[in-house]
Protein backbone atom coordinates (compact mmCIF):
# COMPACT_ATOMS: atom_id res chain seq x y z
CA MET A 1 -21.47 1.04 -1.83
CA THR A 2 -23.29 -2.13 -0.84
CA ASN A 3 -26.58 -1.32 -2.62
CA TYR A 4 -28.39 1.01 -4.99
CA ASP A 5 -29.92 3.18 -2.24
CA VAL A 6 -26.54 3.95 -0.76
CA ILE A 7 -25.24 5.06 -4.22
CA GLN A 8 -28.33 7.11 -4.80
CA THR A 9 -27.85 8.95 -1.56
CA TRP A 10 -24.27 9.87 -2.40
CA ALA A 11 -24.70 10.47 -6.13
CA GLN A 12 -24.05 14.16 -6.24
CA ASP A 13 -20.95 13.87 -3.90
CA ILE A 14 -19.76 11.07 -6.27
CA LYS A 15 -20.23 13.29 -9.32
CA GLY A 16 -18.41 16.23 -7.67
CA GLN A 17 -15.44 14.07 -6.51
CA VAL A 18 -14.86 12.34 -9.80
CA LEU A 19 -15.06 15.64 -11.70
CA ALA A 20 -12.55 17.19 -9.37
CA GLY A 21 -10.23 14.27 -9.86
CA ASN A 22 -10.26 13.33 -6.23
CA MET A 23 -11.91 9.93 -6.83
CA PRO A 24 -11.01 7.23 -7.53
CA PRO A 25 -7.82 7.69 -5.61
CA TRP A 26 -5.04 7.13 -8.16
CA HIS A 27 -2.24 9.62 -8.50
CA ALA A 28 0.26 8.20 -11.04
CA ASP A 29 1.05 10.24 -14.17
CA PRO A 30 -0.25 7.97 -17.05
CA HIS A 31 2.75 8.97 -19.31
CA TYR A 32 5.21 6.95 -17.14
CA GLY A 33 4.74 3.31 -16.54
CA THR A 34 1.87 0.85 -16.50
CA PHE A 35 0.59 -0.41 -13.16
CA LEU A 36 -1.68 -3.04 -11.81
CA ASP A 37 -4.75 -2.06 -9.64
CA ASP A 38 -5.02 1.20 -11.66
CA ARG A 39 -8.24 2.65 -10.32
CA SER A 40 -8.27 5.77 -12.55
CA LEU A 41 -11.30 6.34 -14.84
CA THR A 42 -10.88 6.73 -18.57
CA PRO A 43 -12.54 9.83 -20.05
CA GLN A 44 -15.22 7.52 -21.46
CA GLN A 45 -15.88 5.94 -18.07
CA LEU A 46 -16.05 9.35 -16.45
CA ALA A 47 -18.53 10.62 -19.00
CA GLN A 48 -20.64 7.50 -18.73
CA LEU A 49 -20.77 7.85 -14.94
CA VAL A 50 -21.72 11.55 -14.97
CA GLN A 51 -24.31 10.95 -17.75
CA TRP A 52 -25.95 8.16 -15.59
CA ILE A 53 -26.09 10.39 -12.57
CA ASP A 54 -27.57 13.39 -14.57
CA ALA A 55 -30.15 11.02 -15.99
CA GLY A 56 -31.54 10.28 -12.51
CA LEU A 57 -29.61 7.08 -11.85
CA PRO A 58 -31.92 4.62 -13.62
CA ARG A 59 -31.96 1.47 -11.42
CA GLY A 60 -31.82 -1.26 -14.12
CA GLU A 61 -32.76 -4.87 -13.50
CA GLY A 62 -31.45 -7.74 -11.47
CA PRO A 63 -29.88 -8.24 -8.00
CA GLU A 64 -27.62 -5.90 -6.23
CA PRO A 65 -24.16 -6.70 -7.64
CA ALA A 66 -22.05 -4.79 -5.02
CA GLY A 67 -23.51 -6.58 -1.96
CA ASP A 68 -22.32 -10.07 -3.07
CA ARG A 69 -18.89 -8.73 -3.97
CA ALA A 70 -18.42 -7.03 -0.57
CA ALA A 71 -19.42 -10.13 1.31
CA SER A 72 -17.09 -12.49 -0.66
CA SER A 73 -14.05 -10.27 -0.58
CA ALA A 74 -14.36 -9.94 3.25
CA ARG A 75 -13.97 -13.63 3.65
CA LEU A 76 -10.60 -13.69 1.95
CA ALA A 77 -7.37 -12.53 3.54
CA GLY A 78 -6.22 -10.24 0.70
CA GLY A 79 -7.08 -12.96 -1.75
CA ALA A 80 -4.43 -15.32 -0.35
CA GLY A 81 -6.98 -17.70 1.32
CA ARG A 82 -6.58 -19.09 4.90
CA ALA A 83 -3.37 -18.24 6.58
CA ASP A 84 -1.01 -21.05 7.83
CA ALA A 85 -0.20 -19.13 10.96
CA ILE A 86 -1.45 -16.07 12.66
CA ILE A 87 0.41 -13.77 14.98
CA THR A 88 -1.64 -11.46 17.22
CA ILE A 89 -0.39 -8.76 19.53
CA PRO A 90 -2.17 -7.20 22.56
CA VAL A 91 -5.10 -4.85 22.10
CA GLN A 92 -3.96 -1.28 21.45
CA SER A 93 -5.80 1.69 22.95
CA VAL A 94 -6.06 4.87 20.89
CA ALA A 95 -6.93 8.23 22.54
CA ALA A 96 -9.81 10.22 21.32
CA THR A 97 -7.84 13.33 20.56
CA GLY A 98 -4.19 14.41 20.20
CA ALA A 99 -1.14 13.01 18.32
CA GLU A 100 -0.38 9.31 18.78
CA PRO A 101 3.42 8.40 18.61
CA TYR A 102 4.72 5.57 16.58
CA ARG A 103 4.46 2.32 18.44
CA TYR A 104 7.15 -0.44 18.14
CA ILE A 105 5.96 -3.81 19.49
CA PHE A 106 8.16 -6.92 19.28
CA ALA A 107 6.95 -10.48 19.08
CA GLN A 108 8.83 -13.68 18.47
CA SER A 109 7.63 -15.94 15.57
CA PRO A 110 6.25 -19.22 16.73
CA ILE A 111 7.67 -21.01 13.66
CA LEU A 112 10.31 -23.54 14.80
CA THR A 113 11.96 -24.02 11.46
CA ASN A 114 13.33 -21.74 8.65
CA ALA A 115 10.45 -20.95 6.24
CA TRP A 116 9.74 -18.98 3.12
CA LEU A 117 6.68 -16.83 2.78
CA ARG A 118 4.46 -16.76 -0.34
CA ALA A 119 2.25 -14.10 1.21
CA ALA A 120 1.82 -12.11 4.46
CA VAL A 121 -1.34 -10.12 5.24
CA VAL A 122 -2.02 -7.52 7.94
CA ARG A 123 -5.49 -7.35 9.32
CA PRO A 124 -6.35 -4.36 11.67
CA SER A 125 -9.47 -4.85 13.66
CA ASN A 126 -10.32 -1.11 13.47
CA THR A 127 -9.42 0.53 10.22
CA LYS A 128 -10.94 3.81 11.20
CA VAL A 129 -7.95 4.88 13.18
CA VAL A 130 -5.07 3.01 11.51
CA HIS A 131 -2.64 5.25 9.57
CA HIS A 132 -0.42 2.29 8.95
CA SER A 133 0.40 -1.18 10.27
CA TRP A 134 3.82 -2.35 9.23
CA PHE A 135 5.57 -5.60 10.08
CA ALA A 136 9.34 -6.14 9.57
CA GLY A 137 11.55 -9.09 10.03
CA PRO A 138 15.27 -9.33 10.74
CA GLU A 139 17.96 -7.10 9.21
CA HIS A 140 19.99 -8.50 6.33
CA GLY A 141 23.10 -6.38 5.93
CA GLY A 142 21.60 -3.26 7.36
CA THR A 143 18.32 -3.60 5.37
CA ILE A 144 15.20 -4.40 7.29
CA THR A 145 13.07 -6.99 5.44
CA GLY A 146 9.48 -5.76 5.11
CA ILE A 147 7.04 -8.58 5.66
CA ALA A 148 3.65 -6.91 5.31
CA LEU A 149 2.05 -3.52 5.21
CA TYR A 150 -1.42 -2.17 5.75
CA VAL A 151 -2.20 1.40 4.59
CA PRO A 152 -5.25 2.86 3.02
CA GLY A 153 -5.34 2.14 -0.68
CA ARG A 154 -2.98 -0.79 -0.66
CA GLN A 155 -4.05 -4.12 -2.07
CA GLN A 156 -2.70 -7.17 -0.15
CA GLY A 157 -2.24 -10.59 -1.51
CA ALA A 158 0.25 -13.09 -2.77
CA LEU A 159 3.85 -12.03 -3.48
CA PRO A 160 5.08 -11.84 -7.04
CA GLU A 161 5.45 -15.15 -8.77
CA ASP A 162 8.68 -17.05 -8.04
CA THR A 163 9.54 -14.74 -5.10
CA GLY A 164 9.41 -15.22 -1.43
CA ILE A 165 10.44 -13.68 1.97
CA SER A 166 12.85 -15.52 4.17
CA LEU A 167 11.56 -16.09 7.63
CA PRO A 168 14.20 -17.67 9.98
CA ALA A 169 13.03 -19.99 12.79
CA ARG A 170 11.87 -18.14 15.95
CA THR A 171 12.93 -14.79 14.57
CA TRP A 172 11.78 -11.63 16.16
CA LEU A 173 9.28 -9.41 14.36
CA THR A 174 8.82 -5.72 14.69
CA PHE A 175 5.20 -4.36 14.65
CA ASN A 176 5.31 -0.67 13.61
CA LEU A 177 1.90 0.90 14.38
CA HIS A 178 0.66 4.39 13.79
CA TYR A 179 -2.81 5.60 14.81
CA THR A 180 -4.82 8.80 14.04
CA PRO A 181 -7.51 9.66 16.62
CA ASP A 182 -11.04 10.02 15.37
CA GLY A 183 -12.69 11.95 18.17
CA GLN A 184 -13.58 9.00 20.42
CA ALA A 185 -11.55 6.47 22.32
CA GLU A 186 -10.84 3.43 20.11
CA THR A 187 -9.05 0.08 20.28
CA ASP A 188 -7.34 -2.06 17.62
CA GLN A 189 -5.79 -5.48 17.75
CA PRO A 190 -3.95 -6.17 14.47
CA GLU A 191 -2.93 -9.62 13.40
CA LEU A 192 -0.35 -10.88 10.93
CA GLY A 193 -1.35 -13.79 8.63
CA LEU A 194 1.54 -15.86 7.26
CA TYR A 195 1.41 -18.10 4.25
CA PHE A 196 4.20 -20.52 3.75
CA ALA A 197 5.73 -21.62 0.33
CA ALA A 198 6.08 -25.31 -0.31
CA GLN A 199 9.71 -24.81 -1.46
CA LYS A 200 12.37 -22.18 -1.63
CA PRO A 201 11.52 -19.65 -4.35
CA ALA A 202 13.79 -18.56 -7.14
CA LYS A 203 14.19 -15.09 -5.84
CA GLU A 204 14.27 -13.56 -2.44
CA LEU A 205 11.94 -10.45 -2.10
CA LYS A 206 13.28 -7.48 -0.21
CA MET A 207 12.22 -3.92 0.49
CA GLN A 208 14.78 -1.28 -0.01
CA ALA A 209 13.97 2.07 1.49
CA ILE A 210 15.49 5.14 -0.09
CA LEU A 211 15.13 7.77 2.69
CA ASN A 212 16.05 11.42 3.21
CA PRO A 213 14.84 12.41 6.69
CA LEU A 214 17.46 15.17 7.31
CA PHE A 215 16.50 18.24 5.35
CA LEU A 216 15.37 21.72 6.16
CA ILE A 217 12.86 23.71 4.07
CA PRO A 218 13.76 27.38 3.94
CA ALA A 219 11.26 29.67 5.67
CA GLY A 220 8.75 31.08 3.07
CA ALA A 221 9.97 28.86 0.25
CA PRO A 222 6.92 28.09 -1.90
CA GLU A 223 8.78 25.24 -3.54
CA TYR A 224 11.67 23.13 -2.35
CA GLN A 225 13.07 20.02 -3.97
CA VAL A 226 14.54 17.15 -1.90
CA LYS A 227 16.52 14.25 -3.58
CA GLN A 228 17.94 11.01 -2.45
CA ASP A 229 19.65 8.19 -4.39
CA TYR A 230 20.57 4.56 -4.03
CA THR A 231 22.89 2.46 -6.23
CA PHE A 232 22.31 -1.27 -6.60
CA ASP A 233 25.50 -3.26 -6.28
CA LYS A 234 23.93 -6.11 -8.36
CA GLY A 235 21.08 -6.57 -10.83
CA VAL A 236 17.61 -6.46 -9.30
CA THR A 237 13.93 -6.83 -10.46
CA ILE A 238 11.57 -4.09 -9.26
CA TYR A 239 8.06 -5.12 -8.58
CA ASN A 240 6.63 -2.25 -6.50
CA LEU A 241 7.24 1.44 -5.88
CA TYR A 242 5.94 3.01 -2.80
CA PRO A 243 6.19 6.75 -2.64
CA HIS A 244 5.69 8.11 0.88
CA MET A 245 5.85 11.57 2.37
CA HIS A 246 3.81 13.50 5.00
CA LEU A 247 1.56 16.55 4.79
CA ARG A 248 4.14 18.87 3.11
CA GLY A 249 5.00 16.48 0.35
CA ALA A 250 3.64 17.74 -2.95
CA ARG A 251 4.90 15.28 -5.57
CA MET A 252 7.52 12.60 -6.11
CA LYS A 253 9.28 10.92 -8.89
CA TYR A 254 11.34 7.72 -9.29
CA GLU A 255 14.04 7.94 -11.88
CA ALA A 256 16.53 5.24 -13.00
CA PHE A 257 20.03 6.25 -14.15
CA TYR A 258 21.59 3.33 -16.00
CA PRO A 259 25.35 2.46 -16.20
CA ASN A 260 25.34 3.16 -19.93
CA GLY A 261 24.21 6.73 -19.34
CA ASP A 262 20.50 6.24 -20.23
CA GLN A 263 17.78 7.67 -17.93
CA GLU A 264 14.17 6.59 -17.34
CA THR A 265 11.21 7.77 -15.25
CA LEU A 266 9.74 4.67 -13.54
CA LEU A 267 6.94 6.52 -11.65
CA SER A 268 5.71 10.05 -11.46
CA VAL A 269 3.22 11.24 -8.89
CA PRO A 270 2.51 14.86 -9.75
CA ARG A 271 -0.09 15.28 -7.00
CA TYR A 272 0.81 13.35 -3.84
CA VAL A 273 -2.08 12.99 -1.45
CA PHE A 274 -0.99 11.84 1.94
CA HIS A 275 -4.36 10.25 2.96
CA TRP A 276 -3.97 7.63 0.20
CA GLN A 277 -0.74 5.64 0.61
CA THR A 278 -0.85 3.73 -2.72
CA VAL A 279 1.74 1.09 -3.52
CA TYR A 280 2.29 1.07 -7.31
CA ARG A 281 2.74 -2.47 -8.66
CA LEU A 282 4.44 -2.52 -12.09
CA ALA A 283 2.31 -4.47 -14.66
CA THR A 284 5.60 -5.83 -16.01
CA PRO A 285 8.38 -6.12 -13.49
CA LYS A 286 11.44 -3.94 -14.32
CA HIS A 287 14.97 -5.35 -14.43
CA LEU A 288 17.65 -2.91 -13.34
CA PRO A 289 21.38 -3.96 -14.04
CA ALA A 290 24.02 -3.61 -11.45
CA HIS A 291 25.17 -0.15 -10.67
CA THR A 292 21.85 1.48 -11.65
């Protein structure tokens, strides 16, 4: 959507997709939680857009606003500016057809001293075939520290204020890559941009995966619920929630069960769409006491 002519060409498709609720891609139930980067349209915005299309898309006056925005955003690494260090791995070849297995590539950090990251940004060179690019650091007590993640629909940028990710000197990084063929042979060379904090932050940021990979859906079952739980042994602050399933996943909900017996829904995604791997950033970080 870099200029008016492009939007004019796609106008009827835009109208159909927004009326069907497929666009913009946002799947959180508005009754639970408030999130940054909310791309959903209000009823008023939806009505205004459809009315404009039905009126023949009057052009209006002035320069193209979208073109300048696209050019400026492309120059920024997720809004974090110029990286302090960039780690690049060899070029990856992607077959034209078939299923691509997960790739695990290991690289040693060139940083010679212990450091704290204020941001980390993944930059694929060919987003057409990237299902995800995930970069992980060393394990801390069995929990892998996620450093950066690229998936369709995720906004990348600075970490939450007063937080940082620990990066030990010369540590080994795991590059987890997954590609989806698009009908022709492709290549991709992802790079990881690292942004260093001037001093140790007040809080260490970690990613806690709550996984349940070992379940069986009974044959013919039209509906099957899968659960998994995790108990925090100390108080934590939740900044992001990242629901992730594959093609059979229909919906997902995060619920907090507090030590005093209270219960709260933090995020509900009633219609999970595998092709949009949205990370939901809480507008107000949520504190969970120990034993939640």
